[in-house]
Amino acid sequence: MHYPIKVFYSEEDKGFIAVIPDLPGCSAFGETEEEAVKQVKIAQELWLKTAKKEKRKIPKPVVKDIYSGKILARTPKSLHQALIVRAKEEGVSLNQLIVYLLSREFNKKASI
């Protein structure tokens, strides 16, 4: 089964947290988003294995097919350039930087 994974940056932990909302308590930490996702997939395997062993009900994944996870955004050329420079400085792809920046701002607003 494919369970949706949510990833966010934790200032407190100075790293990324990945969670699988459909599996209560299933989460993992990583210094990068990729590492957090890799670790939460391991946690998912262990969660499911333990649930089967303990004969607990395993929830079905809640999949929202209407959201592809892809967006297209037109930006001014100067912003595009600045984002590319920043991504190179951080050693990440442009997509990773944009997702990080959006997530960070979204989480700031959500916690107010």
PDB file of N, CA and C in Angstrom:
ATOM      1  N   MET A   1       0.845  -1.194   0.000  1.00  0.00           N
ATOM      2  CA  MET A   1       0.000   0.000   0.000  1.00  0.00           C
ATOM      3  C   MET A   1       0.878   1.242   0.000  1.00  0.00           C
ATOM      4  N   HIS A   2       0.377   2.253  -0.649  1.00  0.00           N
ATOM      5  CA  HIS A   2       1.111   3.518  -0.706  1.00  0.00           C
ATOM      6  C   HIS A   2       0.424   4.535   0.206  1.00  0.00           C
ATOM      7  N   TYR A   3       1.133   4.945   1.245  1.00  0.00           N
ATOM      8  CA  TYR A   3       0.614   5.933   2.183  1.00  0.00           C
ATOM      9  C   TYR A   3       1.232   7.297   1.881  1.00  0.00           C
ATOM     10  N   PRO A   4       0.405   8.349   1.858  1.00  0.00           N
ATOM     11  CA  PRO A   4       0.951   9.694   1.652  1.00  0.00           C
ATOM     12  C   PRO A   4       1.886  10.070   2.806  1.00  0.00           C
ATOM     13  N   ILE A   5       2.948  10.784   2.459  1.00  0.00           N
ATOM     14  CA  ILE A   5       3.951  11.228   3.432  1.00  0.00           C
ATOM     15  C   ILE A   5       3.961  12.749   3.450  1.00  0.00           C
ATOM     16  N   LYS A   6       3.970  13.320   4.641  1.00  0.00           N
ATOM     17  CA  LYS A   6       4.101  14.769   4.793  1.00  0.00           C
ATOM     18  C   LYS A   6       5.474  15.053   5.392  1.00  0.00           C
ATOM     19  N   VAL A   7       6.153  16.063   4.844  1.00  0.00           N
ATOM     20  CA  VAL A   7       7.485  16.431   5.323  1.00  0.00           C
ATOM     21  C   VAL A   7       7.484  17.909   5.676  1.00  0.00           C
ATOM     22  N   PHE A   8       8.083  18.245   6.807  1.00  0.00           N
ATOM     23  CA  PHE A   8       8.208  19.652   7.186  1.00  0.00           C
ATOM     24  C   PHE A   8       9.526  19.868   7.920  1.00  0.00           C
ATOM     25  N   TYR A   9       9.971  21.108   7.929  1.00  0.00           N
ATOM     26  CA  TYR A   9      11.208  21.452   8.618  1.00  0.00           C
ATOM     27  C   TYR A   9      10.892  21.821  10.059  1.00  0.00           C
ATOM     28  N   SER A  10      11.685  21.296  10.979  1.00  0.00           N
ATOM     29  CA  SER A  10      11.515  21.587  12.397  1.00  0.00           C
ATOM     30  C   SER A  10      12.679  22.461  12.869  1.00  0.00           C
ATOM     31  N   GLU A  11      12.374  23.692  13.219  1.00  0.00           N
ATOM     32  CA  GLU A  11      13.408  24.592  13.761  1.00  0.00           C
ATOM     33  C   GLU A  11      13.974  24.021  15.055  1.00  0.00           C
ATOM     34  N   GLU A  12      13.100  23.471  15.877  1.00  0.00           N
ATOM     35  CA  GLU A  12      13.509  22.926  17.161  1.00  0.00           C
ATOM     36  C   GLU A  12      14.526  21.793  16.993  1.00  0.00           C
ATOM     37  N   ASP A  13      14.264  20.925  16.018  1.00  0.00           N
ATOM     38  CA  ASP A  13      15.148  19.779  15.794  1.00  0.00           C
ATOM     39  C   ASP A  13      16.247  20.069  14.776  1.00  0.00           C
ATOM     40  N   LYS A  14      16.143  21.210  14.112  1.00  0.00           N
ATOM     41  CA  LYS A  14      17.121  21.591  13.073  1.00  0.00           C
ATOM     42  C   LYS A  14      17.238  20.502  12.002  1.00  0.00           C
ATOM     43  N   GLY A  15      16.082  20.029  11.556  1.00  0.00           N
ATOM     44  CA  GLY A  15      16.049  19.010  10.524  1.00  0.00           C
ATOM     45  C   GLY A  15      14.634  18.789  10.037  1.00  0.00           C
ATOM     46  N   PHE A  16      14.461  17.810   9.195  1.00  0.00           N
ATOM     47  CA  PHE A  16      13.176  17.538   8.583  1.00  0.00           C
ATOM     48  C   PHE A  16      12.480  16.380   9.290  1.00  0.00           C
ATOM     49  N   ILE A  17      11.181  16.519   9.429  1.00  0.00           N
ATOM     50  CA  ILE A  17      10.344  15.489  10.017  1.00  0.00           C
ATOM     51  C   ILE A  17       9.406  14.994   8.916  1.00  0.00           C
ATOM     52  N   ALA A  18       9.347  13.688   8.750  1.00  0.00           N
ATOM     53  CA  ALA A  18       8.413  13.077   7.807  1.00  0.00           C
ATOM     54  C   ALA A  18       7.401  12.276   8.627  1.00  0.00           C
ATOM     55  N   VAL A  19       6.136  12.426   8.287  1.00  0.00           N
ATOM     56  CA  VAL A  19       5.083  11.702   8.987  1.00  0.00           C
ATOM     57  C   VAL A  19       4.166  11.021   7.981  1.00  0.00           C
ATOM     58  N   ILE A  20       3.568   9.934   8.400  1.00  0.00           N
ATOM     59  CA  ILE A  20       2.535   9.265   7.617  1.00  0.00           C
ATOM     60  C   ILE A  20       1.253   9.417   8.424  1.00  0.00           C
ATOM     61  N   PRO A  21       0.429  10.413   8.072  1.00  0.00           N
ATOM     62  CA  PRO A  21      -0.760  10.720   8.872  1.00  0.00           C
ATOM     63  C   PRO A  21      -1.725   9.549   9.056  1.00  0.00           C
ATOM     64  N   ASP A  22      -1.788   8.645   8.081  1.00  0.00           N
ATOM     65  CA  ASP A  22      -2.707   7.516   8.181  1.00  0.00           C
ATOM     66  C   ASP A  22      -2.261   6.454   9.176  1.00  0.00           C
ATOM     67  N   LEU A  23      -0.990   6.497   9.595  1.00  0.00           N
ATOM     68  CA  LEU A  23      -0.453   5.524  10.551  1.00  0.00           C
ATOM     69  C   LEU A  23      -0.053   6.271  11.821  1.00  0.00           C
ATOM     70  N   PRO A  24      -0.913   6.302  12.828  1.00  0.00           N
ATOM     71  CA  PRO A  24      -0.651   7.082  14.043  1.00  0.00           C
ATOM     72  C   PRO A  24       0.724   6.801  14.648  1.00  0.00           C
ATOM     73  N   GLY A  25       1.473   7.872  14.884  1.00  0.00           N
ATOM     74  CA  GLY A  25       2.782   7.776  15.512  1.00  0.00           C
ATOM     75  C   GLY A  25       3.914   7.424  14.566  1.00  0.00           C
ATOM     76  N   CYS A  26       3.610   7.243  13.298  1.00  0.00           N
ATOM     77  CA  CYS A  26       4.646   6.862  12.328  1.00  0.00           C
ATOM     78  C   CYS A  26       5.326   8.125  11.796  1.00  0.00           C
ATOM     79  N   SER A  27       6.553   8.361  12.268  1.00  0.00           N
ATOM     80  CA  SER A  27       7.297   9.547  11.850  1.00  0.00           C
ATOM     81  C   SER A  27       8.786   9.245  11.900  1.00  0.00           C
ATOM     82  N   ALA A  28       9.558  10.140  11.275  1.00  0.00           N
ATOM     83  CA  ALA A  28      11.013   9.964  11.270  1.00  0.00           C
ATOM     84  C   ALA A  28      11.683  11.307  11.047  1.00  0.00           C
ATOM     85  N   PHE A  29      12.959  11.356  11.401  1.00  0.00           N
ATOM     86  CA  PHE A  29      13.770  12.569  11.291  1.00  0.00           C
ATOM     87  C   PHE A  29      14.848  12.366  10.233  1.00  0.00           C
ATOM     88  N   GLY A  30      15.226  13.463   9.574  1.00  0.00           N
ATOM     89  CA  GLY A  30      16.363  13.429   8.662  1.00  0.00           C
ATOM     90  C   GLY A  30      16.968  14.817   8.543  1.00  0.00           C
ATOM     91  N   GLU A  31      18.243  14.867   8.280  1.00  0.00           N
ATOM     92  CA  GLU A  31      18.890  16.169   8.090  1.00  0.00           C
ATOM     93  C   GLU A  31      18.457  16.813   6.776  1.00  0.00           C
ATOM     94  N   THR A  32      18.008  15.987   5.825  1.00  0.00           N
ATOM     95  CA  THR A  32      17.468  16.475   4.552  1.00  0.00           C
ATOM     96  C   THR A  32      16.068  15.889   4.390  1.00  0.00           C
ATOM     97  N   GLU A  33      15.300  16.471   3.449  1.00  0.00           N
ATOM     98  CA  GLU A  33      13.973  15.933   3.177  1.00  0.00           C
ATOM     99  C   GLU A  33      14.065  14.485   2.699  1.00  0.00           C
ATOM    100  N   GLU A  34      15.035  14.237   1.834  1.00  0.00           N
ATOM    101  CA  GLU A  34      15.196  12.894   1.277  1.00  0.00           C
ATOM    102  C   GLU A  34      15.490  11.872   2.368  1.00  0.00           C
ATOM    103  N   GLU A  35      16.351  12.241   3.304  1.00  0.00           N
ATOM    104  CA  GLU A  35      16.695  11.341   4.400  1.00  0.00           C
ATOM    105  C   GLU A  35      15.482  11.089   5.292  1.00  0.00           C
ATOM    106  N   ALA A  36      14.692  12.132   5.564  1.00  0.00           N
ATOM    107  CA  ALA A  36      13.491  11.964   6.387  1.00  0.00           C
ATOM    108  C   ALA A  36      12.503  11.017   5.714  1.00  0.00           C
ATOM    109  N   VAL A  37      12.331  11.156   4.401  1.00  0.00           N
ATOM    110  CA  VAL A  37      11.417  10.278   3.662  1.00  0.00           C
ATOM    111  C   VAL A  37      11.936   8.840   3.683  1.00  0.00           C
ATOM    112  N   LYS A  38      13.227   8.680   3.458  1.00  0.00           N
ATOM    113  CA  LYS A  38      13.829   7.333   3.492  1.00  0.00           C
ATOM    114  C   LYS A  38      13.588   6.679   4.856  1.00  0.00           C
ATOM    115  N   GLN A  39      13.814   7.434   5.921  1.00  0.00           N
ATOM    116  CA  GLN A  39      13.655   6.900   7.274  1.00  0.00           C
ATOM    117  C   GLN A  39      12.194   6.594   7.608  1.00  0.00           C
ATOM    118  N   VAL A  40      11.270   7.436   7.119  1.00  0.00           N
ATOM    119  CA  VAL A  40       9.861   7.192   7.448  1.00  0.00           C
ATOM    120  C   VAL A  40       9.336   5.974   6.686  1.00  0.00           C
ATOM    121  N   LYS A  41       9.923   5.671   5.531  1.00  0.00           N
ATOM    122  CA  LYS A  41       9.523   4.453   4.822  1.00  0.00           C
ATOM    123  C   LYS A  41       9.953   3.215   5.603  1.00  0.00           C
ATOM    124  N   ILE A  42      11.109   3.298   6.248  1.00  0.00           N
ATOM    125  CA  ILE A  42      11.551   2.201   7.122  1.00  0.00           C
ATOM    126  C   ILE A  42      10.601   2.096   8.318  1.00  0.00           C
ATOM    127  N   ALA A  43      10.250   3.247   8.898  1.00  0.00           N
ATOM    128  CA  ALA A  43       9.324   3.267  10.032  1.00  0.00           C
ATOM    129  C   ALA A  43       7.963   2.696   9.630  1.00  0.00           C
ATOM    130  N   GLN A  44       7.533   2.986   8.407  1.00  0.00           N
ATOM    131  CA  GLN A  44       6.253   2.464   7.904  1.00  0.00           C
ATOM    132  C   GLN A  44       6.281   0.931   7.855  1.00  0.00           C
ATOM    133  N   GLU A  45       7.366   0.379   7.335  1.00  0.00           N
ATOM    134  CA  GLU A  45       7.490  -1.084   7.273  1.00  0.00           C
ATOM    135  C   GLU A  45       7.387  -1.696   8.672  1.00  0.00           C
ATOM    136  N   LEU A  46       8.084  -1.087   9.621  1.00  0.00           N
ATOM    137  CA  LEU A  46       8.064  -1.596  10.989  1.00  0.00           C
ATOM    138  C   LEU A  46       6.687  -1.427  11.622  1.00  0.00           C
ATOM    139  N   TRP A  47       6.031  -0.299  11.352  1.00  0.00           N
ATOM    140  CA  TRP A  47       4.695  -0.032  11.889  1.00  0.00           C
ATOM    141  C   TRP A  47       3.736  -1.105  11.396  1.00  0.00           C
ATOM    142  N   LEU A  48       3.757  -1.369  10.078  1.00  0.00           N
ATOM    143  CA  LEU A  48       2.842  -2.353   9.493  1.00  0.00           C
ATOM    144  C   LEU A  48       3.144  -3.767   9.994  1.00  0.00           C
ATOM    145  N   LYS A  49       4.421  -4.096  10.092  1.00  0.00           N
ATOM    146  CA  LYS A  49       4.828  -5.420  10.572  1.00  0.00           C
ATOM    147  C   LYS A  49       4.338  -5.627  12.012  1.00  0.00           C
ATOM    148  N   THR A  50       4.520  -4.622  12.848  1.00  0.00           N
ATOM    149  CA  THR A  50       4.091  -4.707  14.248  1.00  0.00           C
ATOM    150  C   THR A  50       2.568  -4.804  14.347  1.00  0.00           C
ATOM    151  N   ALA A  51       1.855  -4.016  13.537  1.00  0.00           N
ATOM    152  CA  ALA A  51       0.392  -4.046  13.566  1.00  0.00           C
ATOM    153  C   ALA A  51      -0.126  -5.429  13.167  1.00  0.00           C
ATOM    154  N   LYS A  52       0.482  -6.025  12.146  1.00  0.00           N
ATOM    155  CA  LYS A  52       0.073  -7.373  11.719  1.00  0.00           C
ATOM    156  C   LYS A  52       0.343  -8.388  12.830  1.00  0.00           C
ATOM    157  N   LYS A  53       1.528  -8.280  13.429  1.00  0.00           N
ATOM    158  CA  LYS A  53       1.913  -9.210  14.499  1.00  0.00           C
ATOM    159  C   LYS A  53       0.953  -9.124  15.680  1.00  0.00           C
ATOM    160  N   GLU A  54       0.549  -7.872  16.009  1.00  0.00           N
ATOM    161  CA  GLU A  54      -0.352  -7.648  17.143  1.00  0.00           C
ATOM    162  C   GLU A  54      -1.822  -7.742  16.744  1.00  0.00           C
ATOM    163  N   LYS A  55      -2.079  -8.090  15.473  1.00  0.00           N
ATOM    164  CA  LYS A  55      -3.436  -8.237  14.938  1.00  0.00           C
ATOM    165  C   LYS A  55      -4.272  -6.966  15.098  1.00  0.00           C
ATOM    166  N   ARG A  56      -3.579  -5.821  14.937  1.00  0.00           N
ATOM    167  CA  ARG A  56      -4.292  -4.535  14.971  1.00  0.00           C
ATOM    168  C   ARG A  56      -4.851  -4.234  13.585  1.00  0.00           C
ATOM    169  N   LYS A  57      -5.903  -3.456  13.546  1.00  0.00           N
ATOM    170  CA  LYS A  57      -6.490  -3.050  12.273  1.00  0.00           C
ATOM    171  C   LYS A  57      -5.517  -2.098  11.566  1.00  0.00           C
ATOM    172  N   ILE A  58      -5.252  -2.360  10.298  1.00  0.00           N
ATOM    173  CA  ILE A  58      -4.348  -1.516   9.515  1.00  0.00           C
ATOM    174  C   ILE A  58      -5.195  -0.580   8.651  1.00  0.00           C
ATOM    175  N   PRO A  59      -5.065   0.719   8.882  1.00  0.00           N
ATOM    176  CA  PRO A  59      -5.881   1.663   8.110  1.00  0.00           C
ATOM    177  C   PRO A  59      -5.488   1.678   6.631  1.00  0.00           C
ATOM    178  N   LYS A  60      -6.486   1.904   5.796  1.00  0.00           N
ATOM    179  CA  LYS A  60      -6.224   2.053   4.373  1.00  0.00           C
ATOM    180  C   LYS A  60      -5.703   3.470   4.144  1.00  0.00           C
ATOM    181  N   PRO A  61      -4.820   3.634   3.160  1.00  0.00           N
ATOM    182  CA  PRO A  61      -4.303   4.977   2.882  1.00  0.00           C
ATOM    183  C   PRO A  61      -5.407   5.889   2.349  1.00  0.00           C
ATOM    184  N   VAL A  62      -5.388   7.119   2.811  1.00  0.00           N
ATOM    185  CA  VAL A  62      -6.303   8.124   2.291  1.00  0.00           C
ATOM    186  C   VAL A  62      -5.558   8.811   1.151  1.00  0.00           C
ATOM    187  N   VAL A  63      -6.019   8.539  -0.050  1.00  0.00           N
ATOM    188  CA  VAL A  63      -5.346   9.087  -1.226  1.00  0.00           C
ATOM    189  C   VAL A  63      -6.251  10.129  -1.856  1.00  0.00           C
ATOM    190  N   LYS A  64      -5.681  11.259  -2.089  1.00  0.00           N
ATOM    191  CA  LYS A  64      -6.419  12.351  -2.714  1.00  0.00           C
ATOM    192  C   LYS A  64      -5.920  12.491  -4.143  1.00  0.00           C
ATOM    193  N   ASP A  65      -6.550  11.746  -5.039  1.00  0.00           N
ATOM    194  CA  ASP A  65      -6.111  11.688  -6.430  1.00  0.00           C
ATOM    195  C   ASP A  65      -6.200  13.020  -7.162  1.00  0.00           C
ATOM    196  N   ILE A  66      -6.996  13.935  -6.655  1.00  0.00           N
ATOM    197  CA  ILE A  66      -7.169  15.183  -7.401  1.00  0.00           C
ATOM    198  C   ILE A  66      -5.953  16.096  -7.300  1.00  0.00           C
ATOM    199  N   TYR A  67      -5.031  15.790  -6.391  1.00  0.00           N
ATOM    200  CA  TYR A  67      -3.840  16.607  -6.233  1.00  0.00           C
ATOM    201  C   TYR A  67      -2.629  15.850  -6.773  1.00  0.00           C
ATOM    202  N   SER A  68      -2.017  16.381  -7.797  1.00  0.00           N
ATOM    203  CA  SER A  68      -0.877  15.696  -8.413  1.00  0.00           C
ATOM    204  C   SER A  68       0.434  15.989  -7.699  1.00  0.00           C
ATOM    205  N   GLY A  69       0.479  17.106  -6.959  1.00  0.00           N
ATOM    206  CA  GLY A  69       1.728  17.498  -6.325  1.00  0.00           C
ATOM    207  C   GLY A  69       2.591  18.347  -7.232  1.00  0.00           C
ATOM    208  N   LYS A  70       2.097  18.621  -8.408  1.00  0.00           N
ATOM    209  CA  LYS A  70       2.854  19.429  -9.360  1.00  0.00           C
ATOM    210  C   LYS A  70       2.149  20.765  -9.555  1.00  0.00           C
ATOM    211  N   ILE A  71       2.950  21.818  -9.578  1.00  0.00           N
ATOM    212  CA  ILE A  71       2.418  23.149  -9.888  1.00  0.00           C
ATOM    213  C   ILE A  71       3.349  23.819 -10.886  1.00  0.00           C
ATOM    214  N   LEU A  72       2.811  24.745 -11.629  1.00  0.00           N
ATOM    215  CA  LEU A  72       3.604  25.539 -12.558  1.00  0.00           C
ATOM    216  C   LEU A  72       3.419  26.985 -12.137  1.00  0.00           C
ATOM    217  N   ALA A  73       4.506  27.663 -11.865  1.00  0.00           N
ATOM    218  CA  ALA A  73       4.425  29.049 -11.401  1.00  0.00           C
ATOM    219  C   ALA A  73       5.310  29.930 -12.274  1.00  0.00           C
ATOM    220  N   ARG A  74       4.754  30.964 -12.821  1.00  0.00           N
ATOM    221  CA  ARG A  74       5.522  31.943 -13.580  1.00  0.00           C
ATOM    222  C   ARG A  74       6.095  32.952 -12.598  1.00  0.00           C
ATOM    223  N   THR A  75       7.377  33.242 -12.736  1.00  0.00           N
ATOM    224  CA  THR A  75       8.029  34.198 -11.840  1.00  0.00           C
ATOM    225  C   THR A  75       8.770  35.239 -12.660  1.00  0.00           C
ATOM    226  N   PRO A  76       9.028  36.395 -12.073  1.00  0.00           N
ATOM    227  CA  PRO A  76       9.885  37.355 -12.758  1.00  0.00           C
ATOM    228  C   PRO A  76      11.270  36.744 -12.961  1.00  0.00           C
ATOM    229  N   LYS A  77      11.933  37.137 -14.019  1.00  0.00           N
ATOM    230  CA  LYS A  77      13.261  36.594 -14.325  1.00  0.00           C
ATOM    231  C   LYS A  77      14.236  36.826 -13.176  1.00  0.00           C
ATOM    232  N   SER A  78      14.140  37.975 -12.536  1.00  0.00           N
ATOM    233  CA  SER A  78      15.059  38.282 -11.437  1.00  0.00           C
ATOM    234  C   SER A  78      14.845  37.342 -10.248  1.00  0.00           C
ATOM    235  N   LEU A  79      13.587  36.990  -9.953  1.00  0.00           N
ATOM    236  CA  LEU A  79      13.303  36.052  -8.868  1.00  0.00           C
ATOM    237  C   LEU A  79      13.794  34.662  -9.233  1.00  0.00           C
ATOM    238  N   HIS A  80      13.573  34.265 -10.471  1.00  0.00           N
ATOM    239  CA  HIS A  80      14.048  32.963 -10.942  1.00  0.00           C
ATOM    240  C   HIS A  80      15.563  32.864 -10.766  1.00  0.00           C
ATOM    241  N   GLN A  81      16.270  33.900 -11.165  1.00  0.00           N
ATOM    242  CA  GLN A  81      17.732  33.922 -11.029  1.00  0.00           C
ATOM    243  C   GLN A  81      18.137  33.830  -9.558  1.00  0.00           C
ATOM    244  N   ALA A  82      17.495  34.631  -8.707  1.00  0.00           N
ATOM    245  CA  ALA A  82      17.839  34.635  -7.286  1.00  0.00           C
ATOM    246  C   ALA A  82      17.596  33.263  -6.654  1.00  0.00           C
ATOM    247  N   LEU A  83      16.508  32.600  -7.041  1.00  0.00           N
ATOM    248  CA  LEU A  83      16.220  31.273  -6.504  1.00  0.00           C
ATOM    249  C   LEU A  83      17.254  30.245  -6.957  1.00  0.00           C
ATOM    250  N   ILE A  84      17.665  30.330  -8.206  1.00  0.00           N
ATOM    251  CA  ILE A  84      18.684  29.402  -8.712  1.00  0.00           C
ATOM    252  C   ILE A  84      20.008  29.608  -7.972  1.00  0.00           C
ATOM    253  N   VAL A  85      20.384  30.860  -7.777  1.00  0.00           N
ATOM    254  CA  VAL A  85      21.632  31.152  -7.055  1.00  0.00           C
ATOM    255  C   VAL A  85      21.548  30.596  -5.638  1.00  0.00           C
ATOM    256  N   ARG A  86      20.429  30.820  -4.965  1.00  0.00           N
ATOM    257  CA  ARG A  86      20.249  30.339  -3.588  1.00  0.00           C
ATOM    258  C   ARG A  86      20.293  28.821  -3.533  1.00  0.00           C
ATOM    259  N   ALA A  87      19.643  28.171  -4.491  1.00  0.00           N
ATOM    260  CA  ALA A  87      19.631  26.704  -4.520  1.00  0.00           C
ATOM    261  C   ALA A  87      21.049  26.164  -4.680  1.00  0.00           C
ATOM    262  N   LYS A  88      21.841  26.804  -5.551  1.00  0.00           N
ATOM    263  CA  LYS A  88      23.229  26.370  -5.732  1.00  0.00           C
ATOM    264  C   LYS A  88      24.026  26.550  -4.451  1.00  0.00           C
ATOM    265  N   GLU A  89      23.807  27.676  -3.773  1.00  0.00           N
ATOM    266  CA  GLU A  89      24.503  27.938  -2.511  1.00  0.00           C
ATOM    267  C   GLU A  89      24.156  26.877  -1.455  1.00  0.00           C
ATOM    268  N   GLU A  90      22.893  26.457  -1.458  1.00  0.00           N
ATOM    269  CA  GLU A  90      22.423  25.471  -0.478  1.00  0.00           C
ATOM    270  C   GLU A  90      22.753  24.042  -0.904  1.00  0.00           C
ATOM    271  N   GLY A  91      23.139  23.874  -2.160  1.00  0.00           N
ATOM    272  CA  GLY A  91      23.454  22.535  -2.657  1.00  0.00           C
ATOM    273  C   GLY A  91      22.227  21.668  -2.885  1.00  0.00           C
ATOM    274  N   VAL A  92      21.118  22.304  -3.260  1.00  0.00           N
ATOM    275  CA  VAL A  92      19.876  21.575  -3.516  1.00  0.00           C
ATOM    276  C   VAL A  92      19.333  21.964  -4.885  1.00  0.00           C
ATOM    277  N   SER A  93      18.343  21.223  -5.345  1.00  0.00           N
ATOM    278  CA  SER A  93      17.718  21.567  -6.622  1.00  0.00           C
ATOM    279  C   SER A  93      16.792  22.765  -6.430  1.00  0.00           C
ATOM    280  N   LEU A  94      16.449  23.390  -7.526  1.00  0.00           N
ATOM    281  CA  LEU A  94      15.516  24.517  -7.477  1.00  0.00           C
ATOM    282  C   LEU A  94      14.182  24.061  -6.893  1.00  0.00           C
ATOM    283  N   ASN A  95      13.699  22.891  -7.318  1.00  0.00           N
ATOM    284  CA  ASN A  95      12.434  22.377  -6.787  1.00  0.00           C
ATOM    285  C   ASN A  95      12.502  22.159  -5.278  1.00  0.00           C
ATOM    286  N   GLN A  96      13.604  21.580  -4.795  1.00  0.00           N
ATOM    287  CA  GLN A  96      13.738  21.348  -3.352  1.00  0.00           C
ATOM    288  C   GLN A  96      13.709  22.665  -2.586  1.00  0.00           C
ATOM    289  N   LEU A  97      14.409  23.667  -3.099  1.00  0.00           N
ATOM    290  CA  LEU A  97      14.436  24.961  -2.427  1.00  0.00           C
ATOM    291  C   LEU A  97      13.042  25.579  -2.382  1.00  0.00           C
ATOM    292  N   ILE A  98      12.344  25.551  -3.506  1.00  0.00           N
ATOM    293  CA  ILE A  98      11.008  26.152  -3.554  1.00  0.00           C
ATOM    294  C   ILE A  98      10.056  25.432  -2.608  1.00  0.00           C
ATOM    295  N   VAL A  99      10.093  24.102  -2.584  1.00  0.00           N
ATOM    296  CA  VAL A  99       9.228  23.343  -1.678  1.00  0.00           C
ATOM    297  C   VAL A  99       9.572  23.676  -0.233  1.00  0.00           C
ATOM    298  N   TYR A 100      10.867  23.759   0.081  1.00  0.00           N
ATOM    299  CA  TYR A 100      11.287  24.104   1.438  1.00  0.00           C
ATOM    300  C   TYR A 100      10.762  25.491   1.831  1.00  0.00           C
ATOM    301  N   LEU A 101      10.966  26.481   0.955  1.00  0.00           N
ATOM    302  CA  LEU A 101      10.539  27.846   1.273  1.00  0.00           C
ATOM    303  C   LEU A 101       9.024  27.931   1.436  1.00  0.00           C
ATOM    304  N   LEU A 102       8.287  27.269   0.557  1.00  0.00           N
ATOM    305  CA  LEU A 102       6.827  27.264   0.675  1.00  0.00           C
ATOM    306  C   LEU A 102       6.384  26.580   1.969  1.00  0.00           C
ATOM    307  N   SER A 103       6.998  25.441   2.275  1.00  0.00           N
ATOM    308  CA  SER A 103       6.643  24.705   3.491  1.00  0.00           C
ATOM    309  C   SER A 103       6.928  25.523   4.736  1.00  0.00           C
ATOM    310  N   ARG A 104       8.082  26.166   4.749  1.00  0.00           N
ATOM    311  CA  ARG A 104       8.469  26.973   5.907  1.00  0.00           C
ATOM    312  C   ARG A 104       7.461  28.095   6.131  1.00  0.00           C
ATOM    313  N   GLU A 105       7.099  28.802   5.076  1.00  0.00           N
ATOM    314  CA  GLU A 105       6.147  29.898   5.223  1.00  0.00           C
ATOM    315  C   GLU A 105       4.752  29.383   5.578  1.00  0.00           C
ATOM    316  N   PHE A 106       4.345  28.278   4.969  1.00  0.00           N
ATOM    317  CA  PHE A 106       3.051  27.700   5.261  1.00  0.00           C
ATOM    318  C   PHE A 106       2.963  27.284   6.727  1.00  0.00           C
ATOM    319  N   ASN A 107       4.021  26.635   7.231  1.00  0.00           N
ATOM    320  CA  ASN A 107       4.027  26.199   8.622  1.00  0.00           C
ATOM    321  C   ASN A 107       4.061  27.352   9.598  1.00  0.00           C
ATOM    322  N   LYS A 108       4.713  28.464   9.229  1.00  0.00           N
ATOM    323  CA  LYS A 108       4.699  29.660  10.089  1.00  0.00           C
ATOM    324  C   LYS A 108       3.275  30.148  10.246  1.00  0.00           C
ATOM    325  N   LYS A 109       2.555  30.239   9.131  1.00  0.00           N
ATOM    326  CA  LYS A 109       1.175  30.738   9.143  1.00  0.00           C
ATOM    327  C   LYS A 109       0.252  29.769   9.870  1.00  0.00           C
ATOM    328  N   ALA A 110       0.494  28.464   9.691  1.00  0.00           N
ATOM    329  CA  ALA A 110      -0.375  27.450  10.304  1.00  0.00           C
ATOM    330  C   ALA A 110      -0.232  27.421  11.821  1.00  0.00           C
ATOM    331  N   SER A 111       0.930  27.808  12.339  1.00  0.00           N
ATOM    332  CA  SER A 111       1.155  27.730  13.783  1.00  0.00           C
ATOM    333  C   SER A 111       0.775  29.004  14.516  1.00  0.00           C
ATOM    334  N   ILE A 112       0.266  29.976  13.815  1.00  0.00           N
ATOM    335  CA  ILE A 112      -0.117  31.249  14.463  1.00  0.00           C
ATOM    336  C   ILE A 112      -1.486  31.120  15.079  1.00  0.00           C
TER     337      ILE A 112
END
